[in-house]
PDB file of N, CA and C in Angstrom:
ATOM      1  N   VAL A   1      -2.208  40.954-224.429  1.00  0.00           N
ATOM      2  CA  VAL A   1      -2.406  41.970-223.410  1.00  0.00           C
ATOM      3  C   VAL A   1      -3.479  42.938-223.899  1.00  0.00           C
ATOM      4  N   ILE A   2      -4.500  43.150-223.096  1.00  0.00           N
ATOM      5  CA  ILE A   2      -5.562  44.090-223.443  1.00  0.00           C
ATOM      6  C   ILE A   2      -5.194  45.494-223.007  1.00  0.00           C
ATOM      7  N   ALA A   3      -4.698  45.628-221.783  1.00  0.00           N
ATOM      8  CA  ALA A   3      -4.279  46.930-221.279  1.00  0.00           C
ATOM      9  C   ALA A   3      -3.176  46.727-220.256  1.00  0.00           C
ATOM     10  N   ALA A   4      -2.224  47.614-220.246  1.00  0.00           N
ATOM     11  CA  ALA A   4      -1.134  47.529-219.273  1.00  0.00           C
ATOM     12  C   ALA A   4      -1.438  48.435-218.095  1.00  0.00           C
ATOM     13  N   GLY A   5      -1.073  48.016-216.898  1.00  0.00           N
ATOM     14  CA  GLY A   5      -1.245  48.849-215.720  1.00  0.00           C
ATOM     15  C   GLY A   5      -2.624  48.800-215.103  1.00  0.00           C
ATOM     16  N   THR A   6      -3.464  47.854-215.499  1.00  0.00           N
ATOM     17  CA  THR A   6      -4.824  47.823-214.981  1.00  0.00           C
ATOM     18  C   THR A   6      -4.919  47.262-213.575  1.00  0.00           C
ATOM     19  N   THR A   7      -3.838  46.681-213.060  1.00  0.00           N
ATOM     20  CA  THR A   7      -3.890  46.144-211.704  1.00  0.00           C
ATOM     21  C   THR A   7      -3.386  47.148-210.672  1.00  0.00           C
ATOM     22  N   ARG A   8      -2.994  48.329-211.121  1.00  0.00           N
ATOM     23  CA  ARG A   8      -2.498  49.373-210.234  1.00  0.00           C
ATOM     24  C   ARG A   8      -3.605  50.365-209.918  1.00  0.00           C
ATOM     25  N   ARG A   9      -3.671  50.811-208.680  1.00  0.00           N
ATOM     26  CA  ARG A   9      -4.645  51.844-208.324  1.00  0.00           C
ATOM     27  C   ARG A   9      -4.152  53.223-208.756  1.00  0.00           C
ATOM     28  N   ARG A  10      -2.888  53.470-208.577  1.00  0.00           N
ATOM     29  CA  ARG A  10      -2.313  54.768-208.931  1.00  0.00           C
ATOM     30  C   ARG A  10      -1.708  54.695-210.332  1.00  0.00           C
ATOM     31  N   PRO A  11      -2.003  55.690-211.155  1.00  0.00           N
ATOM     32  CA  PRO A  11      -1.440  55.679-212.513  1.00  0.00           C
ATOM     33  C   PRO A  11       0.062  55.929-212.502  1.00  0.00           C
ATOM     34  N   THR A  12       0.708  55.483-213.538  1.00  0.00           N
ATOM     35  CA  THR A  12       2.139  55.733-213.683  1.00  0.00           C
ATOM     36  C   THR A  12       2.357  57.225-213.944  1.00  0.00           C
ATOM     37  N   ALA A  13       3.579  57.665-213.809  1.00  0.00           N
ATOM     38  CA  ALA A  13       3.907  59.078-214.062  1.00  0.00           C
ATOM     39  C   ALA A  13       3.580  59.451-215.505  1.00  0.00           C
ATOM     40  N   ALA A  14       3.869  58.558-216.439  1.00  0.00           N
ATOM     41  CA  ALA A  14       3.580  58.842-217.854  1.00  0.00           C
ATOM     42  C   ALA A  14       2.083  58.970-218.090  1.00  0.00           C
ATOM     43  N   THR A  15       1.282  58.121-217.446  1.00  0.00           N
ATOM     44  CA  THR A  15      -0.173  58.197-217.603  1.00  0.00           C
ATOM     45  C   THR A  15      -0.707  59.484-216.983  1.00  0.00           C
ATOM     46  N   ARG A  16      -0.191  59.873-215.826  1.00  0.00           N
ATOM     47  CA  ARG A  16      -0.619  61.137-215.193  1.00  0.00           C
ATOM     48  C   ARG A  16      -0.322  62.318-216.104  1.00  0.00           C
ATOM     49  N   ARG A  17       0.865  62.336-216.707  1.00  0.00           N
ATOM     50  CA  ARG A  17       1.221  63.434-217.620  1.00  0.00           C
ATOM     51  C   ARG A  17       0.279  63.462-218.818  1.00  0.00           C
ATOM     52  N   ALA A  18      -0.029  62.307-219.374  1.00  0.00           N
ATOM     53  CA  ALA A  18      -0.924  62.233-220.539  1.00  0.00           C
ATOM     54  C   ALA A  18      -2.324  62.719-220.190  1.00  0.00           C
ATOM     55  N   VAL A  19      -2.830  62.334-219.032  1.00  0.00           N
ATOM     56  CA  VAL A  19      -4.185  62.746-218.614  1.00  0.00           C
ATOM     57  C   VAL A  19      -4.230  64.249-218.377  1.00  0.00           C
ATOM     58  N   ARG A  20      -3.245  64.777-217.709  1.00  0.00           N
ATOM     59  CA  ARG A  20      -3.212  66.223-217.438  1.00  0.00           C
ATOM     60  C   ARG A  20      -3.017  67.027-218.719  1.00  0.00           C
ATOM     61  N   ALA A  21      -2.324  66.456-219.694  1.00  0.00           N
ATOM     62  CA  ALA A  21      -2.131  67.141-220.975  1.00  0.00           C
ATOM     63  C   ALA A  21      -3.392  67.120-221.825  1.00  0.00           C
ATOM     64  N   SER A  22      -4.304  66.193-221.550  1.00  0.00           N
ATOM     65  CA  SER A  22      -5.517  66.066-222.365  1.00  0.00           C
ATOM     66  C   SER A  22      -6.555  67.145-222.061  1.00  0.00           C
ATOM     67  N   SER A  23      -6.469  67.777-220.906  1.00  0.00           N
ATOM     68  CA  SER A  23      -7.396  68.845-220.522  1.00  0.00           C
ATOM     69  C   SER A  23      -6.598  70.010-219.966  1.00  0.00           C
ATOM     70  N   LEU A  24      -7.052  71.204-220.230  1.00  0.00           N
ATOM     71  CA  LEU A  24      -6.352  72.381-219.705  1.00  0.00           C
ATOM     72  C   LEU A  24      -6.671  72.633-218.245  1.00  0.00           C
ATOM     73  N   THR A  25      -7.903  72.260-217.837  1.00  0.00           N
ATOM     74  CA  THR A  25      -8.362  72.534-216.476  1.00  0.00           C
ATOM     75  C   THR A  25      -9.067  71.311-215.905  1.00  0.00           C
ATOM     76  N   CYS A  26      -9.466  71.432-214.653  1.00  0.00           N
ATOM     77  CA  CYS A  26     -10.322  70.435-214.007  1.00  0.00           C
ATOM     78  C   CYS A  26     -11.550  70.224-214.891  1.00  0.00           C
ATOM     79  N   VAL A  27     -12.043  68.985-214.961  1.00  0.00           N
ATOM     80  CA  VAL A  27     -13.151  68.679-215.865  1.00  0.00           C
ATOM     81  C   VAL A  27     -14.529  68.965-215.266  1.00  0.00           C
ATOM     82  N   PHE A  28     -14.603  69.467-214.025  1.00  0.00           N
ATOM     83  CA  PHE A  28     -15.890  69.829-213.430  1.00  0.00           C
ATOM     84  C   PHE A  28     -16.400  71.108-214.096  1.00  0.00           C
ATOM     85  N   PRO A  29     -17.689  71.190-214.392  1.00  0.00           N
ATOM     86  CA  PRO A  29     -18.238  72.374-215.069  1.00  0.00           C
ATOM     87  C   PRO A  29     -17.925  73.679-214.322  1.00  0.00           C
ATOM     88  N   GLY A  30     -17.325  74.609-215.032  1.00  0.00           N
ATOM     89  CA  GLY A  30     -17.031  75.928-214.477  1.00  0.00           C
ATOM     90  C   GLY A  30     -15.741  76.026-213.692  1.00  0.00           C
ATOM     91  N   CYS A  31     -15.105  74.908-213.388  1.00  0.00           N
ATOM     92  CA  CYS A  31     -13.864  74.952-212.616  1.00  0.00           C
ATOM     93  C   CYS A  31     -12.718  75.380-213.523  1.00  0.00           C
ATOM     94  N   ARG A  32     -11.860  76.257-213.002  1.00  0.00           N
ATOM     95  CA  ARG A  32     -10.759  76.784-213.803  1.00  0.00           C
ATOM     96  C   ARG A  32      -9.390  76.427-213.223  1.00  0.00           C
ATOM     97  N   ILE A  33      -9.353  75.480-212.303  1.00  0.00           N
ATOM     98  CA  ILE A  33      -8.074  75.049-211.741  1.00  0.00           C
ATOM     99  C   ILE A  33      -7.269  74.362-212.854  1.00  0.00           C
ATOM    100  N   PRO A  34      -6.024  74.757-213.067  1.00  0.00           N
ATOM    101  CA  PRO A  34      -5.222  74.120-214.118  1.00  0.00           C
ATOM    102  C   PRO A  34      -5.067  72.616-213.883  1.00  0.00           C
ATOM    103  N   ALA A  35      -5.104  71.861-214.959  1.00  0.00           N
ATOM    104  CA  ALA A  35      -5.006  70.398-214.873  1.00  0.00           C
ATOM    105  C   ALA A  35      -3.724  69.947-214.181  1.00  0.00           C
ATOM    106  N   VAL A  36      -2.653  70.704-214.347  1.00  0.00           N
ATOM    107  CA  VAL A  36      -1.385  70.312-213.716  1.00  0.00           C
ATOM    108  C   VAL A  36      -1.460  70.361-212.191  1.00  0.00           C
ATOM    109  N   ASP A  37      -2.434  71.107-211.647  1.00  0.00           N
ATOM    110  CA  ASP A  37      -2.619  71.197-210.195  1.00  0.00           C
ATOM    111  C   ASP A  37      -3.721  70.273-209.695  1.00  0.00           C
ATOM    112  N   CYS A  38      -4.249  69.420-210.547  1.00  0.00           N
ATOM    113  CA  CYS A  38      -5.386  68.557-210.210  1.00  0.00           C
ATOM    114  C   CYS A  38      -4.955  67.139-209.855  1.00  0.00           C
ATOM    115  N   ASP A  39      -5.843  66.441-209.147  1.00  0.00           N
ATOM    116  CA  ASP A  39      -5.693  65.006-208.942  1.00  0.00           C
ATOM    117  C   ASP A  39      -6.028  64.316-210.259  1.00  0.00           C
ATOM    118  N   VAL A  40      -5.503  63.134-210.460  1.00  0.00           N
ATOM    119  CA  VAL A  40      -5.900  62.310-211.602  1.00  0.00           C
ATOM    120  C   VAL A  40      -6.922  61.320-211.044  1.00  0.00           C
ATOM    121  N   ASP A  41      -8.183  61.506-211.436  1.00  0.00           N
ATOM    122  CA  ASP A  41      -9.311  60.778-210.862  1.00  0.00           C
ATOM    123  C   ASP A  41      -9.802  59.680-211.796  1.00  0.00           C
ATOM    124  N   HIS A  42     -10.177  58.553-211.209  1.00  0.00           N
ATOM    125  CA  HIS A  42     -10.825  57.486-211.979  1.00  0.00           C
ATOM    126  C   HIS A  42     -12.261  57.914-212.286  1.00  0.00           C
ATOM    127  N   ILE A  43     -12.655  57.884-213.542  1.00  0.00           N
ATOM    128  CA  ILE A  43     -14.041  58.193-213.915  1.00  0.00           C
ATOM    129  C   ILE A  43     -14.949  57.096-213.360  1.00  0.00           C
ATOM    130  N   GLU A  44     -14.636  55.853-213.675  1.00  0.00           N
ATOM    131  CA  GLU A  44     -15.300  54.710-213.022  1.00  0.00           C
ATOM    132  C   GLU A  44     -14.367  54.316-211.892  1.00  0.00           C
ATOM    133  N   ASP A  45     -14.849  54.416-210.658  1.00  0.00           N
ATOM    134  CA  ASP A  45     -14.000  54.205-209.492  1.00  0.00           C
ATOM    135  C   ASP A  45     -13.226  52.898-209.545  1.00  0.00           C
ATOM    136  N   TYR A  46     -11.994  52.971-209.135  1.00  0.00           N
ATOM    137  CA  TYR A  46     -11.142  51.782-209.064  1.00  0.00           C
ATOM    138  C   TYR A  46     -11.779  50.741-208.144  1.00  0.00           C
ATOM    139  N   ALA A  47     -12.376  51.193-207.045  1.00  0.00           N
ATOM    140  CA  ALA A  47     -12.976  50.278-206.065  1.00  0.00           C
ATOM    141  C   ALA A  47     -14.128  49.457-206.647  1.00  0.00           C
ATOM    142  N   THR A  48     -14.727  49.956-207.723  1.00  0.00           N
ATOM    143  CA  THR A  48     -15.829  49.220-208.344  1.00  0.00           C
ATOM    144  C   THR A  48     -15.416  48.575-209.662  1.00  0.00           C
ATOM    145  N   GLY A  49     -14.109  48.472-209.871  1.00  0.00           N
ATOM    146  CA  GLY A  49     -13.616  47.776-211.051  1.00  0.00           C
ATOM    147  C   GLY A  49     -13.104  48.654-212.169  1.00  0.00           C
ATOM    148  N   GLY A  50     -13.072  49.970-211.960  1.00  0.00           N
ATOM    149  CA  GLY A  50     -12.571  50.871-212.993  1.00  0.00           C
ATOM    150  C   GLY A  50     -11.076  50.702-213.193  1.00  0.00           C
ATOM    151  N   PRO A  51     -10.629  50.527-214.432  1.00  0.00           N
ATOM    152  CA  PRO A  51      -9.205  50.312-214.672  1.00  0.00           C
ATOM    153  C   PRO A  51      -8.399  51.602-214.575  1.00  0.00           C
ATOM    154  N   THR A  52      -7.133  51.461-214.282  1.00  0.00           N
ATOM    155  CA  THR A  52      -6.228  52.601-214.214  1.00  0.00           C
ATOM    156  C   THR A  52      -5.563  52.763-215.577  1.00  0.00           C
ATOM    157  N   VAL A  53      -6.341  53.267-216.511  1.00  0.00           N
ATOM    158  CA  VAL A  53      -5.865  53.541-217.872  1.00  0.00           C
ATOM    159  C   VAL A  53      -6.316  54.949-218.246  1.00  0.00           C
ATOM    160  N   ALA A  54      -5.617  55.563-219.181  1.00  0.00           N
ATOM    161  CA  ALA A  54      -5.885  56.957-219.540  1.00  0.00           C
ATOM    162  C   ALA A  54      -7.348  57.202-219.929  1.00  0.00           C
ATOM    163  N   ASP A  55      -7.992  56.242-220.581  1.00  0.00           N
ATOM    164  CA  ASP A  55      -9.390  56.431-220.977  1.00  0.00           C
ATOM    165  C   ASP A  55     -10.349  56.481-219.799  1.00  0.00           C
ATOM    166  N   ASN A  56      -9.912  56.025-218.622  1.00  0.00           N
ATOM    167  CA  ASN A  56     -10.763  56.034-217.434  1.00  0.00           C
ATOM    168  C   ASN A  56     -10.267  57.042-216.399  1.00  0.00           C
ATOM    169  N   LEU A  57      -9.419  57.969-216.799  1.00  0.00           N
ATOM    170  CA  LEU A  57      -8.866  58.952-215.873  1.00  0.00           C
ATOM    171  C   LEU A  57      -9.112  60.359-216.401  1.00  0.00           C
ATOM    172  N   ALA A  58      -9.274  61.298-215.477  1.00  0.00           N
ATOM    173  CA  ALA A  58      -9.471  62.697-215.850  1.00  0.00           C
ATOM    174  C   ALA A  58      -8.930  63.586-214.736  1.00  0.00           C
ATOM    175  N   PRO A  59      -8.490  64.806-215.073  1.00  0.00           N
ATOM    176  CA  PRO A  59      -8.022  65.719-214.026  1.00  0.00           C
ATOM    177  C   PRO A  59      -9.208  66.344-213.291  1.00  0.00           C
ATOM    178  N   ALA A  60      -9.206  66.214-211.977  1.00  0.00           N
ATOM    179  CA  ALA A  60     -10.240  66.828-211.132  1.00  0.00           C
ATOM    180  C   ALA A  60      -9.534  67.494-209.958  1.00  0.00           C
ATOM    181  N   CYS A  61      -9.828  68.760-209.727  1.00  0.00           N
ATOM    182  CA  CYS A  61      -9.198  69.452-208.601  1.00  0.00           C
ATOM    183  C   CYS A  61      -9.612  68.750-207.306  1.00  0.00           C
ATOM    184  N   ARG A  62      -8.864  68.967-206.272  1.00  0.00           N
ATOM    185  CA  ARG A  62      -9.126  68.280-205.004  1.00  0.00           C
ATOM    186  C   ARG A  62     -10.556  68.517-204.523  1.00  0.00           C
ATOM    187  N   HIS A  63     -11.052  69.746-204.631  1.00  0.00           N
ATOM    188  CA  HIS A  63     -12.414  70.073-204.196  1.00  0.00           C
ATOM    189  C   HIS A  63     -13.448  69.259-204.973  1.00  0.00           C
ATOM    190  N   ASP A  64     -13.341  69.251-206.288  1.00  0.00           N
ATOM    191  CA  ASP A  64     -14.331  68.547-207.109  1.00  0.00           C
ATOM    192  C   ASP A  64     -14.168  67.029-207.030  1.00  0.00           C
ATOM    193  N   HIS A  65     -12.957  66.572-206.821  1.00  0.00           N
ATOM    194  CA  HIS A  65     -12.713  65.148-206.608  1.00  0.00           C
ATOM    195  C   HIS A  65     -13.437  64.698-205.339  1.00  0.00           C
ATOM    196  N   ARG A  66     -13.361  65.507-204.297  1.00  0.00           N
ATOM    197  CA  ARG A  66     -14.046  65.175-203.040  1.00  0.00           C
ATOM    198  C   ARG A  66     -15.560  65.241-203.188  1.00  0.00           C
ATOM    199  N   ILE A  67     -16.063  66.199-203.977  1.00  0.00           N
ATOM    200  CA  ILE A  67     -17.510  66.275-204.225  1.00  0.00           C
ATOM    201  C   ILE A  67     -18.012  64.958-204.805  1.00  0.00           C
ATOM    202  N   LYS A  68     -17.262  64.434-205.731  1.00  0.00           N
ATOM    203  CA  LYS A  68     -17.642  63.169-206.371  1.00  0.00           C
ATOM    204  C   LYS A  68     -17.778  62.069-205.323  1.00  0.00           C
ATOM    205  N   HIS A  69     -16.777  61.939-204.474  1.00  0.00           N
ATOM    206  CA  HIS A  69     -16.773  60.830-203.528  1.00  0.00           C
ATOM    207  C   HIS A  69     -17.668  61.062-202.309  1.00  0.00           C
ATOM    208  N   ARG A  70     -17.710  62.261-201.816  1.00  0.00           N
ATOM    209  CA  ARG A  70     -18.479  62.527-200.587  1.00  0.00           C
ATOM    210  C   ARG A  70     -19.968  62.761-200.838  1.00  0.00           C
ATOM    211  N   TYR A  71     -20.306  63.315-201.990  1.00  0.00           N
ATOM    212  CA  TYR A  71     -21.688  63.730-202.203  1.00  0.00           C
ATOM    213  C   TYR A  71     -22.380  63.009-203.351  1.00  0.00           C
ATOM    214  N   GLY A  72     -21.779  61.949-203.845  1.00  0.00           N
ATOM    215  CA  GLY A  72     -22.467  61.084-204.782  1.00  0.00           C
ATOM    216  C   GLY A  72     -22.564  61.561-206.220  1.00  0.00           C
ATOM    217  N   TRP A  73     -21.724  62.496-206.632  1.00  0.00           N
ATOM    218  CA  TRP A  73     -21.713  62.906-208.026  1.00  0.00           C
ATOM    219  C   TRP A  73     -21.068  61.810-208.864  1.00  0.00           C
ATOM    220  N   ILE A  74     -21.487  61.680-210.104  1.00  0.00           N
ATOM    221  CA  ILE A  74     -20.837  60.784-211.051  1.00  0.00           C
ATOM    222  C   ILE A  74     -20.576  61.569-212.332  1.00  0.00           C
ATOM    223  N   TYR A  75     -19.648  61.100-213.115  1.00  0.00           N
ATOM    224  CA  TYR A  75     -19.410  61.754-214.396  1.00  0.00           C
ATOM    225  C   TYR A  75     -18.913  60.749-215.407  1.00  0.00           C
ATOM    226  N   ARG A  76     -19.021  61.160-216.678  1.00  0.00           N
ATOM    227  CA  ARG A  76     -18.538  60.319-217.763  1.00  0.00           C
ATOM    228  C   ARG A  76     -18.013  61.213-218.865  1.00  0.00           C
ATOM    229  N   ARG A  77     -17.119  60.633-219.643  1.00  0.00           N
ATOM    230  CA  ARG A  77     -16.559  61.355-220.784  1.00  0.00           C
ATOM    231  C   ARG A  77     -17.541  61.231-221.942  1.00  0.00           C
ATOM    232  N   LEU A  78     -17.789  62.335-222.622  1.00  0.00           N
ATOM    233  CA  LEU A  78     -18.680  62.345-223.775  1.00  0.00           C
ATOM    234  C   LEU A  78     -17.886  62.191-225.064  1.00  0.00           C
ATOM    235  N   PRO A  79     -18.512  61.652-226.096  1.00  0.00           N
ATOM    236  CA  PRO A  79     -17.828  61.615-227.396  1.00  0.00           C
ATOM    237  C   PRO A  79     -17.447  63.045-227.798  1.00  0.00           C
ATOM    238  N   GLY A  80     -16.264  63.225-228.270  1.00  0.00           N
ATOM    239  CA  GLY A  80     -15.810  64.560-228.652  1.00  0.00           C
ATOM    240  C   GLY A  80     -15.001  65.257-227.584  1.00  0.00           C
ATOM    241  N   GLY A  81     -14.932  64.691-226.376  1.00  0.00           N
ATOM    242  CA  GLY A  81     -14.041  65.236-225.368  1.00  0.00           C
ATOM    243  C   GLY A  81     -14.657  65.983-224.209  1.00  0.00           C
ATOM    244  N   GLY A  82     -15.952  66.236-224.206  1.00  0.00           N
ATOM    245  CA  GLY A  82     -16.587  66.896-223.070  1.00  0.00           C
ATOM    246  C   GLY A  82     -16.873  65.904-221.950  1.00  0.00           C
ATOM    247  N   TYR A  83     -17.468  66.397-220.886  1.00  0.00           N
ATOM    248  CA  TYR A  83     -17.827  65.554-219.741  1.00  0.00           C
ATOM    249  C   TYR A  83     -19.243  65.856-219.314  1.00  0.00           C
ATOM    250  N   GLU A  84     -19.911  64.848-218.789  1.00  0.00           N
ATOM    251  CA  GLU A  84     -21.260  65.009-218.249  1.00  0.00           C
ATOM    252  C   GLU A  84     -21.204  64.622-216.779  1.00  0.00           C
ATOM    253  N   TRP A  85     -21.560  65.566-215.911  1.00  0.00           N
ATOM    254  CA  TRP A  85     -21.589  65.352-214.469  1.00  0.00           C
ATOM    255  C   TRP A  85     -23.040  65.269-214.028  1.00  0.00           C
ATOM    256  N   ILE A  86     -23.354  64.341-213.155  1.00  0.00           N
ATOM    257  CA  ILE A  86     -24.716  64.156-212.670  1.00  0.00           C
ATOM    258  C   ILE A  86     -24.680  64.162-211.149  1.00  0.00           C
ATOM    259  N   SER A  87     -25.469  65.072-210.556  1.00  0.00           N
ATOM    260  CA  SER A  87     -25.538  65.139-209.096  1.00  0.00           C
ATOM    261  C   SER A  87     -26.414  64.000-208.594  1.00  0.00           C
ATOM    262  N   ARG A  88     -26.362  63.747-207.302  1.00  0.00           N
ATOM    263  CA  ARG A  88     -27.206  62.668-206.775  1.00  0.00           C
ATOM    264  C   ARG A  88     -28.682  63.021-206.839  1.00  0.00           C
ATOM    265  N   LEU A  89     -29.004  64.290-207.082  1.00  0.00           N
ATOM    266  CA  LEU A  89     -30.399  64.696-207.280  1.00  0.00           C
ATOM    267  C   LEU A  89     -30.831  64.536-208.735  1.00  0.00           C
ATOM    268  N   GLY A  90     -29.889  64.160-209.600  1.00  0.00           N
ATOM    269  CA  GLY A  90     -30.209  63.931-210.999  1.00  0.00           C
ATOM    270  C   GLY A  90     -29.993  65.126-211.914  1.00  0.00           C
ATOM    271  N   LEU A  91     -29.454  66.222-211.384  1.00  0.00           N
ATOM    272  CA  LEU A  91     -29.171  67.381-212.227  1.00  0.00           C
ATOM    273  C   LEU A  91     -27.963  67.088-213.100  1.00  0.00           C
ATOM    274  N   VAL A  92     -28.057  67.415-214.374  1.00  0.00           N
ATOM    275  CA  VAL A  92     -27.007  67.101-215.334  1.00  0.00           C
ATOM    276  C   VAL A  92     -26.299  68.391-215.747  1.00  0.00           C
ATOM    277  N   HIS A  93     -24.985  68.365-215.709  1.00  0.00           N
ATOM    278  CA  HIS A  93     -24.146  69.486-216.104  1.00  0.00           C
ATOM    279  C   HIS A  93     -23.145  68.965-217.120  1.00  0.00           C
ATOM    280  N   ARG A  94     -23.006  69.651-218.236  1.00  0.00           N
ATOM    281  CA  ARG A  94     -22.085  69.208-219.283  1.00  0.00           C
ATOM    282  C   ARG A  94     -21.009  70.253-219.529  1.00  0.00           C
ATOM    283  N   THR A  95     -19.829  69.752-219.884  1.00  0.00           N
ATOM    284  CA  THR A  95     -18.743  70.621-220.303  1.00  0.00           C
ATOM    285  C   THR A  95     -18.441  70.310-221.756  1.00  0.00           C
ATOM    286  N   VAL A  96     -17.858  71.264-222.421  1.00  0.00           N
ATOM    287  CA  VAL A  96     -17.439  71.063-223.810  1.00  0.00           C
ATOM    288  C   VAL A  96     -15.925  71.220-223.849  1.00  0.00           C
ATOM    289  N   PRO A  97     -15.265  70.507-224.751  1.00  0.00           N
ATOM    290  CA  PRO A  97     -13.818  70.657-224.840  1.00  0.00           C
ATOM    291  C   PRO A  97     -13.444  72.038-225.352  1.00  0.00           C
ATOM    292  N   PRO A  98     -12.267  72.541-224.970  1.00  0.00           N
ATOM    293  CA  PRO A  98     -11.844  73.883-225.431  1.00  0.00           C
ATOM    294  C   PRO A  98     -11.618  73.909-226.935  1.00  0.00           C
TER     295      PRO A  98
END
């Protein structure tokens, strides 16, 4: 077994708790919504083959989650725990872990 739960779109309760515990807030730059109030978002979209595993999930508030899907933003986890968000215009915004 390489990974468990990769055929599910929605993460298990344990995976959601782990993802929300990994960040204090939404991972969008400047957002201060607590992670416990955020959606658990696939970094690489499930629809394009992104697995439902903790390494591919991050807390994103509903507003920023919708920005990603509606307006073409993408993001990735950086080594060390930060995130890099890229707008569809190519502007890059980075966060650093607390």
